[in-house]
PDB file of N, CA and C in Angstrom:
ATOM      1  N   UNK A   1       0.857  -1.252   0.028  1.00  0.00           N
ATOM      2  CA  UNK A   1       0.018   0.160   0.146  1.00  0.00           C
ATOM      3  C   UNK A   1       0.892   1.135   0.010  1.00  0.00           C
ATOM      4  N   UNK A   2       0.417   2.264  -0.787  1.00  0.00           N
ATOM      5  CA  UNK A   2       1.113   3.385  -0.791  1.00  0.00           C
ATOM      6  C   UNK A   2       0.608   4.393   0.343  1.00  0.00           C
ATOM      7  N   UNK A   3       1.930   5.024   0.817  1.00  0.00           N
ATOM      8  CA  UNK A   3       1.620   6.185   2.063  1.00  0.00           C
ATOM      9  C   UNK A   3       1.714   7.475   1.617  1.00  0.00           C
ATOM     10  N   UNK A   4       1.531   7.612   0.370  1.00  0.00           N
ATOM     11  CA  UNK A   4       1.554   8.983  -0.262  1.00  0.00           C
ATOM     12  C   UNK A   4       0.400   9.673   0.218  1.00  0.00           C
ATOM     13  N   UNK A   5       0.674  10.893   0.687  1.00  0.00           N
ATOM     14  CA  UNK A   5      -0.207  11.866   1.217  1.00  0.00           C
ATOM     15  C   UNK A   5      -1.205  12.254   0.057  1.00  0.00           C
ATOM     16  N   UNK A   6      -2.559  12.434   0.254  1.00  0.00           N
ATOM     17  CA  UNK A   6      -3.410  12.658  -1.047  1.00  0.00           C
ATOM     18  C   UNK A   6      -4.015  13.952  -0.174  1.00  0.00           C
ATOM     19  N   UNK A   7      -4.221  15.067  -1.047  1.00  0.00           N
ATOM     20  CA  UNK A   7      -4.784  16.357  -0.591  1.00  0.00           C
ATOM     21  C   UNK A   7      -6.234  16.136  -0.387  1.00  0.00           C
ATOM     22  N   UNK A   8      -6.765  17.117   0.275  1.00  0.00           N
ATOM     23  CA  UNK A   8      -8.175  16.868   0.623  1.00  0.00           C
ATOM     24  C   UNK A   8      -9.125  17.239  -0.360  1.00  0.00           C
ATOM     25  N   UNK A   9      -8.692  18.111  -1.282  1.00  0.00           N
ATOM     26  CA  UNK A   9      -9.672  18.480  -2.549  1.00  0.00           C
ATOM     27  C   UNK A   9      -9.680  17.045  -3.352  1.00  0.00           C
ATOM     28  N   UNK A  10      -8.606  16.293  -3.474  1.00  0.00           N
ATOM     29  CA  UNK A  10      -8.763  15.121  -4.308  1.00  0.00           C
ATOM     30  C   UNK A  10      -9.461  13.976  -3.775  1.00  0.00           C
ATOM     31  N   UNK A  11      -9.268  13.995  -2.323  1.00  0.00           N
ATOM     32  CA  UNK A  11      -9.952  12.841  -1.782  1.00  0.00           C
ATOM     33  C   UNK A  11     -11.679  13.228  -1.721  1.00  0.00           C
ATOM     34  N   UNK A  12     -11.918  14.657  -1.677  1.00  0.00           N
ATOM     35  CA  UNK A  12     -13.538  15.148  -1.858  1.00  0.00           C
ATOM     36  C   UNK A  12     -14.023  14.683  -3.154  1.00  0.00           C
ATOM     37  N   UNK A  13     -13.230  14.727  -4.042  1.00  0.00           N
ATOM     38  CA  UNK A  13     -13.545  14.684  -5.434  1.00  0.00           C
ATOM     39  C   UNK A  13     -13.953  13.047  -5.691  1.00  0.00           C
ATOM     40  N   UNK A  14     -12.766  12.185  -5.049  1.00  0.00           N
ATOM     41  CA  UNK A  14     -12.883  10.995  -5.326  1.00  0.00           C
ATOM     42  C   UNK A  14     -14.197  10.363  -4.603  1.00  0.00           C
ATOM     43  N   UNK A  15     -14.266  10.799  -3.303  1.00  0.00           N
ATOM     44  CA  UNK A  15     -15.549  10.440  -2.578  1.00  0.00           C
ATOM     45  C   UNK A  15     -16.699  10.661  -3.461  1.00  0.00           C
ATOM     46  N   UNK A  16     -16.754  11.815  -3.763  1.00  0.00           N
ATOM     47  CA  UNK A  16     -18.122  12.219  -4.652  1.00  0.00           C
ATOM     48  C   UNK A  16     -18.258  11.407  -5.942  1.00  0.00           C
ATOM     49  N   UNK A  17     -17.363  10.905  -6.584  1.00  0.00           N
ATOM     50  CA  UNK A  17     -17.164  10.104  -7.725  1.00  0.00           C
ATOM     51  C   UNK A  17     -17.746   8.671  -7.266  1.00  0.00           C
ATOM     52  N   UNK A  18     -17.111   8.329  -6.010  1.00  0.00           N
ATOM     53  CA  UNK A  18     -17.531   6.853  -5.614  1.00  0.00           C
ATOM     54  C   UNK A  18     -18.993   6.979  -5.171  1.00  0.00           C
ATOM     55  N   UNK A  19     -19.384   8.024  -4.470  1.00  0.00           N
ATOM     56  CA  UNK A  19     -21.063   8.095  -4.037  1.00  0.00           C
ATOM     57  C   UNK A  19     -21.783   8.074  -4.990  1.00  0.00           C
ATOM     58  N   UNK A  20     -21.286   8.605  -6.337  1.00  0.00           N
ATOM     59  CA  UNK A  20     -22.255   8.301  -7.500  1.00  0.00           C
ATOM     60  C   UNK A  20     -22.102   7.116  -7.973  1.00  0.00           C
ATOM     61  N   UNK A  21     -21.221   6.364  -8.095  1.00  0.00           N
ATOM     62  CA  UNK A  21     -21.049   4.890  -8.411  1.00  0.00           C
ATOM     63  C   UNK A  21     -21.903   4.020  -7.535  1.00  0.00           C
ATOM     64  N   UNK A  22     -21.573   4.231  -6.123  1.00  0.00           N
ATOM     65  CA  UNK A  22     -22.628   3.375  -5.277  1.00  0.00           C
ATOM     66  C   UNK A  22     -23.993   3.691  -5.572  1.00  0.00           C
ATOM     67  N   UNK A  23     -24.618   4.805  -5.783  1.00  0.00           N
ATOM     68  CA  UNK A  23     -25.915   5.213  -5.996  1.00  0.00           C
ATOM     69  C   UNK A  23     -26.343   4.405  -7.286  1.00  0.00           C
ATOM     70  N   UNK A  24     -25.507   4.352  -8.200  1.00  0.00           N
ATOM     71  CA  UNK A  24     -25.753   3.443  -9.487  1.00  0.00           C
ATOM     72  C   UNK A  24     -25.905   2.137  -9.252  1.00  0.00           C
ATOM     73  N   UNK A  25     -25.116   1.588  -8.554  1.00  0.00           N
ATOM     74  CA  UNK A  25     -24.899   0.137  -8.018  1.00  0.00           C
ATOM     75  C   UNK A  25     -25.971  -0.152  -7.067  1.00  0.00           C
ATOM     76  N   UNK A  26     -26.758   0.720  -6.432  1.00  0.00           N
ATOM     77  CA  UNK A  26     -27.827   0.071  -5.581  1.00  0.00           C
ATOM     78  C   UNK A  26     -28.868   0.301  -6.557  1.00  0.00           C
ATOM     79  N   UNK A  27     -29.236   1.290  -7.443  1.00  0.00           N
ATOM     80  CA  UNK A  27     -30.157   1.100  -8.303  1.00  0.00           C
ATOM     81  C   UNK A  27     -30.197  -0.269  -9.167  1.00  0.00           C
ATOM     82  N   UNK A  28     -28.946  -0.619  -9.413  1.00  0.00           N
ATOM     83  CA  UNK A  28     -28.972  -1.699 -10.340  1.00  0.00           C
ATOM     84  C   UNK A  28     -29.303  -3.156  -9.418  1.00  0.00           C
ATOM     85  N   UNK A  29     -28.971  -2.981  -8.172  1.00  0.00           N
ATOM     86  CA  UNK A  29     -29.234  -4.001  -7.181  1.00  0.00           C
ATOM     87  C   UNK A  29     -30.775  -4.294  -7.010  1.00  0.00           C
ATOM     88  N   UNK A  30     -31.428  -3.195  -7.093  1.00  0.00           N
ATOM     89  CA  UNK A  30     -33.031  -3.073  -7.065  1.00  0.00           C
ATOM     90  C   UNK A  30     -33.468  -3.643  -8.298  1.00  0.00           C
ATOM     91  N   UNK A  31     -32.909  -3.499  -9.549  1.00  0.00           N
ATOM     92  CA  UNK A  31     -33.288  -3.966 -10.741  1.00  0.00           C
ATOM     93  C   UNK A  31     -33.142  -5.520 -10.900  1.00  0.00           C
ATOM     94  N   UNK A  32     -31.936  -5.936 -10.238  1.00  0.00           N
ATOM     95  CA  UNK A  32     -31.506  -7.203 -10.518  1.00  0.00           C
ATOM     96  C   UNK A  32     -32.589  -8.056  -9.662  1.00  0.00           C
ATOM     97  N   UNK A  33     -33.081  -7.548  -8.259  1.00  0.00           N
ATOM     98  CA  UNK A  33     -33.872  -8.245  -7.585  1.00  0.00           C
ATOM     99  C   UNK A  33     -35.203  -8.243  -8.286  1.00  0.00           C
ATOM    100  N   UNK A  34     -35.756  -7.435  -8.965  1.00  0.00           N
ATOM    101  CA  UNK A  34     -36.888  -7.302  -9.460  1.00  0.00           C
ATOM    102  C   UNK A  34     -36.943  -8.282 -10.611  1.00  0.00           C
ATOM    103  N   UNK A  35     -35.720  -8.249 -11.448  1.00  0.00           N
ATOM    104  CA  UNK A  35     -35.786  -9.344 -12.578  1.00  0.00           C
ATOM    105  C   UNK A  35     -35.717 -10.888 -12.135  1.00  0.00           C
ATOM    106  N   UNK A  36     -35.048 -11.016 -10.913  1.00  0.00           N
ATOM    107  CA  UNK A  36     -34.903 -12.409 -10.497  1.00  0.00           C
ATOM    108  C   UNK A  36     -36.395 -12.863  -9.763  1.00  0.00           C
ATOM    109  N   UNK A  37     -37.194 -11.790  -9.358  1.00  0.00           N
ATOM    110  CA  UNK A  37     -38.517 -12.245  -8.747  1.00  0.00           C
ATOM    111  C   UNK A  37     -39.385 -12.471  -9.915  1.00  0.00           C
ATOM    112  N   UNK A  38     -39.288 -11.786 -10.848  1.00  0.00           N
ATOM    113  CA  UNK A  38     -40.089 -12.062 -12.097  1.00  0.00           C
ATOM    114  C   UNK A  38     -39.906 -13.223 -13.010  1.00  0.00           C
ATOM    115  N   UNK A  39     -38.424 -13.561 -12.761  1.00  0.00           N
ATOM    116  CA  UNK A  39     -38.011 -14.930 -13.699  1.00  0.00           C
ATOM    117  C   UNK A  39     -38.789 -15.979 -13.144  1.00  0.00           C
ATOM    118  N   UNK A  40     -39.247 -16.798 -14.198  1.00  0.00           N
ATOM    119  CA  UNK A  40     -39.944 -18.078 -13.841  1.00  0.00           C
ATOM    120  C   UNK A  40     -38.949 -19.369 -14.046  1.00  0.00           C
ATOM    121  N   UNK A  41     -38.046 -19.111 -15.045  1.00  0.00           N
ATOM    122  CA  UNK A  41     -37.194 -20.250 -15.099  1.00  0.00           C
ATOM    123  C   UNK A  41     -36.214 -20.148 -14.337  1.00  0.00           C
ATOM    124  N   UNK A  42     -35.995 -21.253 -13.327  1.00  0.00           N
ATOM    125  CA  UNK A  42     -35.022 -21.502 -12.250  1.00  0.00           C
ATOM    126  C   UNK A  42     -33.529 -21.220 -12.598  1.00  0.00           C
ATOM    127  N   UNK A  43     -32.992 -21.607 -13.964  1.00  0.00           N
ATOM    128  CA  UNK A  43     -31.725 -21.157 -14.464  1.00  0.00           C
ATOM    129  C   UNK A  43     -31.487 -19.689 -14.338  1.00  0.00           C
ATOM    130  N   UNK A  44     -32.453 -19.014 -14.831  1.00  0.00           N
ATOM    131  CA  UNK A  44     -32.408 -17.524 -14.778  1.00  0.00           C
ATOM    132  C   UNK A  44     -32.327 -16.951 -13.571  1.00  0.00           C
ATOM    133  N   UNK A  45     -33.344 -17.306 -12.696  1.00  0.00           N
ATOM    134  CA  UNK A  45     -33.329 -16.918 -11.376  1.00  0.00           C
ATOM    135  C   UNK A  45     -32.013 -17.116 -10.605  1.00  0.00           C
ATOM    136  N   UNK A  46     -31.381 -18.288 -10.826  1.00  0.00           N
ATOM    137  CA  UNK A  46     -29.980 -18.483 -10.219  1.00  0.00           C
ATOM    138  C   UNK A  46     -28.878 -17.597 -10.721  1.00  0.00           C
ATOM    139  N   UNK A  47     -29.062 -17.357 -12.092  1.00  0.00           N
ATOM    140  CA  UNK A  47     -28.203 -16.356 -12.697  1.00  0.00           C
ATOM    141  C   UNK A  47     -28.410 -14.775 -12.081  1.00  0.00           C
ATOM    142  N   UNK A  48     -29.333 -14.352 -12.015  1.00  0.00           N
ATOM    143  CA  UNK A  48     -29.883 -13.203 -10.999  1.00  0.00           C
ATOM    144  C   UNK A  48     -29.350 -13.256 -10.085  1.00  0.00           C
ATOM    145  N   UNK A  49     -29.573 -14.113  -9.325  1.00  0.00           N
ATOM    146  CA  UNK A  49     -29.127 -14.293  -8.009  1.00  0.00           C
ATOM    147  C   UNK A  49     -27.539 -14.080  -7.826  1.00  0.00           C
ATOM    148  N   UNK A  50     -26.855 -14.840  -8.645  1.00  0.00           N
ATOM    149  CA  UNK A  50     -25.597 -14.714  -8.763  1.00  0.00           C
ATOM    150  C   UNK A  50     -24.911 -13.171  -9.054  1.00  0.00           C
ATOM    151  N   UNK A  51     -25.727 -12.779 -10.098  1.00  0.00           N
ATOM    152  CA  UNK A  51     -25.341 -11.290 -10.640  1.00  0.00           C
ATOM    153  C   UNK A  51     -25.586 -10.306  -9.317  1.00  0.00           C
ATOM    154  N   UNK A  52     -26.588 -10.620  -8.774  1.00  0.00           N
ATOM    155  CA  UNK A  52     -27.017  -9.752  -7.542  1.00  0.00           C
ATOM    156  C   UNK A  52     -26.057  -9.845  -6.369  1.00  0.00           C
ATOM    157  N   UNK A  53     -25.458 -10.921  -6.186  1.00  0.00           N
ATOM    158  CA  UNK A  53     -24.321 -11.027  -5.081  1.00  0.00           C
ATOM    159  C   UNK A  53     -23.111 -10.585  -5.561  1.00  0.00           C
ATOM    160  N   UNK A  54     -22.731 -10.713  -6.796  1.00  0.00           N
ATOM    161  CA  UNK A  54     -21.590  -9.968  -7.219  1.00  0.00           C
ATOM    162  C   UNK A  54     -21.528  -8.252  -7.247  1.00  0.00           C
ATOM    163  N   UNK A  55     -22.777  -7.851  -7.567  1.00  0.00           N
ATOM    164  CA  UNK A  55     -22.956  -6.585  -7.368  1.00  0.00           C
ATOM    165  C   UNK A  55     -22.963  -5.878  -5.845  1.00  0.00           C
ATOM    166  N   UNK A  56     -23.436  -6.952  -4.894  1.00  0.00           N
ATOM    167  CA  UNK A  56     -23.478  -6.489  -3.642  1.00  0.00           C
ATOM    168  C   UNK A  56     -21.896  -6.530  -3.003  1.00  0.00           C
ATOM    169  N   UNK A  57     -21.054  -7.523  -3.407  1.00  0.00           N
ATOM    170  CA  UNK A  57     -19.788  -7.550  -3.258  1.00  0.00           C
ATOM    171  C   UNK A  57     -19.059  -6.367  -3.815  1.00  0.00           C
ATOM    172  N   UNK A  58     -19.292  -5.802  -4.891  1.00  0.00           N
ATOM    173  CA  UNK A  58     -18.774  -4.699  -5.488  1.00  0.00           C
ATOM    174  C   UNK A  58     -19.198  -3.421  -4.568  1.00  0.00           C
ATOM    175  N   UNK A  59     -20.386  -3.504  -4.306  1.00  0.00           N
ATOM    176  CA  UNK A  59     -20.847  -2.319  -3.338  1.00  0.00           C
ATOM    177  C   UNK A  59     -19.962  -2.048  -2.218  1.00  0.00           C
ATOM    178  N   UNK A  60     -19.786  -3.382  -1.452  1.00  0.00           N
ATOM    179  CA  UNK A  60     -19.102  -3.453  -0.185  1.00  0.00           C
ATOM    180  C   UNK A  60     -17.539  -3.010  -0.438  1.00  0.00           C
ATOM    181  N   UNK A  61     -17.099  -3.394  -1.648  1.00  0.00           N
ATOM    182  CA  UNK A  61     -15.654  -3.081  -1.961  1.00  0.00           C
ATOM    183  C   UNK A  61     -15.525  -1.607  -2.132  1.00  0.00           C
ATOM    184  N   UNK A  62     -16.289  -1.130  -2.988  1.00  0.00           N
ATOM    185  CA  UNK A  62     -16.455   0.418  -3.134  1.00  0.00           C
ATOM    186  C   UNK A  62     -16.651   1.150  -1.845  1.00  0.00           C
ATOM    187  N   UNK A  63     -17.669   0.611  -0.812  1.00  0.00           N
ATOM    188  CA  UNK A  63     -17.632   1.488   0.355  1.00  0.00           C
ATOM    189  C   UNK A  63     -16.655   1.316   1.042  1.00  0.00           C
ATOM    190  N   UNK A  64     -16.049   0.084   1.327  1.00  0.00           N
ATOM    191  CA  UNK A  64     -14.802   0.065   2.282  1.00  0.00           C
ATOM    192  C   UNK A  64     -13.581   0.812   1.565  1.00  0.00           C
ATOM    193  N   UNK A  65     -13.260   0.887   0.318  1.00  0.00           N
ATOM    194  CA  UNK A  65     -12.416   1.797  -0.201  1.00  0.00           C
ATOM    195  C   UNK A  65     -12.738   3.210  -0.022  1.00  0.00           C
ATOM    196  N   UNK A  66     -13.993   3.818  -0.195  1.00  0.00           N
ATOM    197  CA  UNK A  66     -14.340   5.047   0.032  1.00  0.00           C
ATOM    198  C   UNK A  66     -14.029   5.390   1.638  1.00  0.00           C
ATOM    199  N   UNK A  67     -14.311   4.588   2.711  1.00  0.00           N
ATOM    200  CA  UNK A  67     -14.018   4.883   4.075  1.00  0.00           C
ATOM    201  C   UNK A  67     -12.649   4.936   4.533  1.00  0.00           C
ATOM    202  N   UNK A  68     -11.794   3.965   3.579  1.00  0.00           N
ATOM    203  CA  UNK A  68     -10.427   4.024   3.861  1.00  0.00           C
ATOM    204  C   UNK A  68      -9.608   4.936   3.326  1.00  0.00           C
ATOM    205  N   UNK A  69      -9.700   5.195   2.020  1.00  0.00           N
ATOM    206  CA  UNK A  69      -8.966   6.345   1.332  1.00  0.00           C
ATOM    207  C   UNK A  69      -9.444   7.694   1.061  1.00  0.00           C
ATOM    208  N   UNK A  70     -10.906   7.864   1.394  1.00  0.00           N
ATOM    209  CA  UNK A  70     -11.432   9.312   1.098  1.00  0.00           C
ATOM    210  C   UNK A  70     -12.061   9.708   2.353  1.00  0.00           C
ATOM    211  N   UNK A  71     -11.758   9.239   3.526  1.00  0.00           N
ATOM    212  CA  UNK A  71     -12.206   9.811   4.925  1.00  0.00           C
ATOM    213  C   UNK A  71     -12.319  11.201   5.103  1.00  0.00           C
ATOM    214  N   UNK A  72     -13.352  11.657   5.918  1.00  0.00           N
ATOM    215  CA  UNK A  72     -13.391  12.945   6.266  1.00  0.00           C
ATOM    216  C   UNK A  72     -12.978  13.456   7.479  1.00  0.00           C
TER     217      UNK A  72
END
């Protein structure tokens, strides 16, 4: 890991960008859940479930990074 000092302006910009990404990912999570519930075919439901889990993992990853690297 780098111990490079990042200035506050850059941290704030990165945090703003990550917050936008998180918002998009959360909207995507809702759509994935809706599609999974609407699916009749079990194979498709399984795919939506897997896709949703990957998205949740991504949300967690972005959230943790934002807290660690863009703290206020």
